[in-house]
Amino acid sequence: MALALKDRQQHTYGEYRQWPDDVRYELIDGAAYLMSPTPDLAHQDVAGEIYCQTANALQGSSSRAFIAPLDVRLPSHDEADELITSVVQPDVLVVCDADKLDRRGVRGAPDWVVEVLSPSTASHDQIKKRDLYQRHGVREYWLVHPVDRLLFVYKLQNGEYGKPELYPLEGETQVGILPEIVIRWDELVSRLPKDY
């Protein structure tokens, strides 16, 4: 099942902030996408473990790790918050520039973003969000595929991601732009349901 558009209108962050809290949306270029219902246990386990390992690795650093839900506003230029048309909630993210942080979340591109794929979000994360992150300058983008036990790593070079590097979810993987972060997979993968 693909993510559904809320409607065919163009929306802004100002409107988004007035929507009910019990239903989550993301805005991509003004289009509102209804987010999946609460992620399943395996999705939460993967995102939570990546976040924990990342936050521990960044202790004492000025870089900060965050986990969804947290609004990341991606302005096209210097428009006011209320006029921004792209707002996403990555599963895990790292921001190295403290000036991008405010009480509402993050304004501007995180340095590293991780999305944990699920059947209902895979094409959205692999196409729409990848293109959005590339356009806004997210330096490294990871797509974790728990079912196939694969990691796709996109690194921004000359403004483009190009083809991803592909890794099995085993051993450990170092974050290219943040070498102090090394994600260890074996214990995490051993906890995933066999039928996942």
Protein backbone atom coordinates (compact mmCIF):
# COMPACT_ATOMS: atom_id res chain seq x y z
CA MET A 1 0.00 0.00 0.00
CA ALA A 2 1.48 3.37 -1.02
CA LEU A 3 1.22 6.53 0.99
CA ALA A 4 -1.90 8.48 0.04
CA LEU A 5 -2.09 12.16 -0.75
CA LYS A 6 -4.27 14.01 1.72
CA ASP A 7 -5.73 16.01 -1.15
CA ARG A 8 -4.62 17.80 -4.31
CA GLN A 9 -4.15 21.24 -2.77
CA GLN A 10 -0.84 22.95 -2.07
CA HIS A 11 -0.08 23.36 1.62
CA THR A 12 2.39 25.23 3.79
CA TYR A 13 3.95 24.64 7.18
CA GLY A 14 1.60 27.30 8.58
CA GLU A 15 -1.40 25.13 7.63
CA TYR A 16 0.36 21.92 8.66
CA ARG A 17 0.81 23.23 12.21
CA GLN A 18 -2.96 23.65 12.54
CA TRP A 19 -3.81 20.06 11.61
CA PRO A 20 -4.81 17.57 14.37
CA ASP A 21 -1.94 15.93 16.24
CA ASP A 22 -3.43 12.44 16.10
CA VAL A 23 -2.78 12.03 12.35
CA ARG A 24 0.72 12.60 10.96
CA TYR A 25 1.50 14.06 7.55
CA GLU A 26 4.61 15.09 5.68
CA LEU A 27 4.69 17.89 3.12
CA ILE A 28 6.76 17.50 -0.02
CA ASP A 29 6.66 20.51 -2.31
CA GLY A 30 3.27 21.45 -0.87
CA ALA A 31 1.66 18.01 -1.32
CA ALA A 32 0.43 16.45 1.94
CA TYR A 33 1.25 12.76 2.40
CA LEU A 34 -0.51 10.80 5.11
CA MET A 35 2.11 8.90 7.06
CA SER A 36 1.70 5.22 7.84
CA PRO A 37 -0.03 4.15 11.02
CA THR A 38 2.22 3.51 13.98
CA PRO A 39 5.33 1.66 12.74
CA ASP A 40 5.62 -2.01 13.66
CA LEU A 41 7.90 -3.32 16.40
CA ALA A 42 10.77 -4.27 14.06
CA HIS A 43 10.76 -0.80 12.46
CA GLN A 44 10.88 0.81 15.89
CA ASP A 45 13.64 -1.55 17.04
CA VAL A 46 15.82 -0.73 14.01
CA ALA A 47 15.27 3.04 14.22
CA GLY A 48 15.70 3.06 18.00
CA GLU A 49 18.92 1.05 17.90
CA ILE A 50 20.44 3.25 15.18
CA TYR A 51 19.47 6.33 17.18
CA CYS A 52 20.97 4.93 20.43
CA GLN A 53 24.26 3.96 18.79
CA THR A 54 24.41 7.35 17.06
CA ALA A 55 23.60 9.40 20.16
CA ASN A 56 26.22 7.46 22.16
CA ALA A 57 28.86 8.02 19.47
CA LEU A 58 28.14 11.77 19.42
CA GLN A 59 28.44 12.32 23.19
CA GLY A 60 30.69 15.32 23.75
CA SER A 61 30.22 16.46 20.15
CA SER A 62 28.39 19.55 18.94
CA SER A 63 26.47 17.34 16.48
CA ARG A 64 23.05 16.13 17.67
CA ALA A 65 21.07 12.97 16.91
CA PHE A 66 17.25 12.91 16.82
CA ILE A 67 14.53 10.32 16.23
CA ALA A 68 11.02 10.71 14.77
CA PRO A 69 8.66 12.34 15.26
CA LEU A 70 10.48 15.65 14.77
CA ASP A 71 9.64 18.21 12.11
CA VAL A 72 12.40 18.98 9.63
CA ARG A 73 11.49 22.09 7.66
CA LEU A 74 13.20 22.39 4.29
CA PRO A 75 12.84 25.93 2.98
CA SER A 76 13.28 26.59 -0.73
CA HIS A 77 14.95 29.95 -0.08
CA ASP A 78 14.73 32.24 2.93
CA GLU A 79 10.93 32.16 3.27
CA ALA A 80 9.27 32.45 6.66
CA ASP A 81 8.45 29.17 8.41
CA GLU A 82 4.73 29.51 7.73
CA LEU A 83 5.41 29.55 3.94
CA ILE A 84 7.68 26.48 3.80
CA THR A 85 6.16 23.73 1.62
CA SER A 86 8.39 20.76 2.59
CA VAL A 87 8.28 19.31 6.11
CA VAL A 88 9.39 15.73 6.80
CA GLN A 89 9.93 13.48 9.82
CA PRO A 90 12.94 11.23 9.15
CA ASP A 91 13.28 8.12 11.31
CA VAL A 92 16.76 9.13 12.52
CA LEU A 93 18.79 12.23 11.72
CA VAL A 94 21.94 14.08 12.71
CA VAL A 95 22.37 17.85 12.61
CA CYS A 96 25.89 19.25 12.92
CA ASP A 97 24.96 22.96 12.77
CA ALA A 98 23.25 24.07 15.99
CA ASP A 99 21.92 27.16 14.21
CA LYS A 100 19.46 24.86 12.37
CA LEU A 101 17.79 23.85 15.66
CA ASP A 102 14.90 25.72 17.25
CA ARG A 103 11.89 24.96 19.43
CA ARG A 104 9.92 23.65 16.41
CA GLY A 105 12.60 21.16 15.37
CA VAL A 106 15.05 21.58 12.50
CA ARG A 107 15.09 24.26 9.82
CA GLY A 108 17.39 23.26 6.97
CA ALA A 109 18.94 20.04 5.80
CA PRO A 110 20.21 17.55 8.36
CA ASP A 111 23.69 16.22 7.62
CA TRP A 112 22.71 12.55 7.84
CA VAL A 113 19.25 11.00 7.49
CA VAL A 114 18.17 7.37 8.02
CA GLU A 115 14.82 6.02 6.86
CA VAL A 116 13.78 2.48 7.84
CA LEU A 117 11.77 1.03 4.97
CA SER A 118 8.43 -0.66 5.41
CA PRO A 119 6.17 -2.03 2.66
CA SER A 120 3.90 1.01 2.85
CA THR A 121 6.69 3.63 2.71
CA ALA A 122 9.42 2.05 0.56
CA SER A 123 8.69 3.74 -2.76
CA HIS A 124 7.99 7.08 -1.02
CA ASP A 125 11.34 6.94 0.82
CA GLN A 126 13.29 5.65 -2.20
CA ILE A 127 11.97 8.19 -4.70
CA LYS A 128 10.20 11.27 -3.33
CA LYS A 129 12.17 11.68 -0.13
CA ARG A 130 15.50 10.76 -1.74
CA ASP A 131 14.95 13.44 -4.39
CA LEU A 132 13.90 15.97 -1.73
CA TYR A 133 16.94 15.24 0.44
CA GLN A 134 19.25 15.46 -2.56
CA ARG A 135 17.78 18.80 -3.63
CA HIS A 136 18.15 20.26 -0.13
CA GLY A 137 21.69 19.03 0.43
CA VAL A 138 21.43 16.16 2.92
CA ARG A 139 25.04 14.96 2.74
CA GLU A 140 24.37 11.27 3.43
CA TYR A 141 21.11 9.33 3.22
CA TRP A 142 20.67 5.75 4.43
CA LEU A 143 17.76 3.49 3.57
CA VAL A 144 17.59 0.45 5.84
CA HIS A 145 15.62 -2.50 4.44
CA PRO A 146 14.94 -4.80 7.45
CA VAL A 147 13.07 -7.43 5.43
CA ASP A 148 15.89 -7.99 2.93
CA ARG A 149 18.55 -7.15 5.56
CA LEU A 150 20.12 -4.54 3.26
CA LEU A 151 21.45 -0.99 3.60
CA PHE A 152 21.46 1.51 0.72
CA VAL A 153 23.84 4.44 1.26
CA TYR A 154 23.53 7.61 -0.82
CA LYS A 155 26.36 10.16 -0.58
CA LEU A 156 25.97 13.65 -1.99
CA GLN A 157 28.68 14.47 -4.53
CA ASN A 158 28.47 17.51 -6.80
CA GLY A 159 24.87 18.03 -5.73
CA GLU A 160 23.72 14.50 -6.64
CA TYR A 161 23.45 11.12 -4.96
CA GLY A 162 24.11 8.88 -7.95
CA LYS A 163 23.92 5.14 -7.41
CA PRO A 164 23.78 3.91 -3.83
CA GLU A 165 26.39 1.77 -2.13
CA LEU A 166 24.81 -1.50 -1.01
CA TYR A 167 25.72 -3.35 2.20
CA PRO A 168 24.29 -6.37 4.06
CA LEU A 169 23.02 -5.65 7.58
CA GLU A 170 25.90 -7.47 9.23
CA GLY A 171 29.08 -6.55 11.01
CA GLU A 172 29.34 -2.78 11.16
CA THR A 173 28.96 0.21 8.86
CA GLN A 174 30.66 3.55 9.35
CA VAL A 175 28.86 6.77 8.47
CA GLY A 176 30.93 8.34 5.68
CA ILE A 177 30.48 11.97 6.70
CA LEU A 178 30.60 11.25 10.45
CA PRO A 179 33.30 8.58 10.90
CA GLU A 180 32.85 8.58 14.68
CA ILE A 181 29.49 6.88 14.12
CA VAL A 182 29.72 3.14 13.46
CA ILE A 183 26.47 1.17 13.37
CA ARG A 184 26.81 -2.41 14.61
CA TRP A 185 24.17 -4.65 13.06
CA ASP A 186 24.58 -8.21 14.32
CA GLU A 187 22.79 -8.03 17.68
CA LEU A 188 20.04 -5.87 16.21
CA VAL A 189 19.43 -8.16 13.24
CA SER A 190 19.34 -11.21 15.54
CA ARG A 191 16.35 -9.62 17.31
CA LEU A 192 14.32 -9.08 14.13
CA PRO A 193 11.46 -11.52 13.57
CA LYS A 194 12.38 -14.29 11.13
CA ASP A 195 9.21 -13.64 9.12
CA TYR A 196 9.88 -9.90 8.85
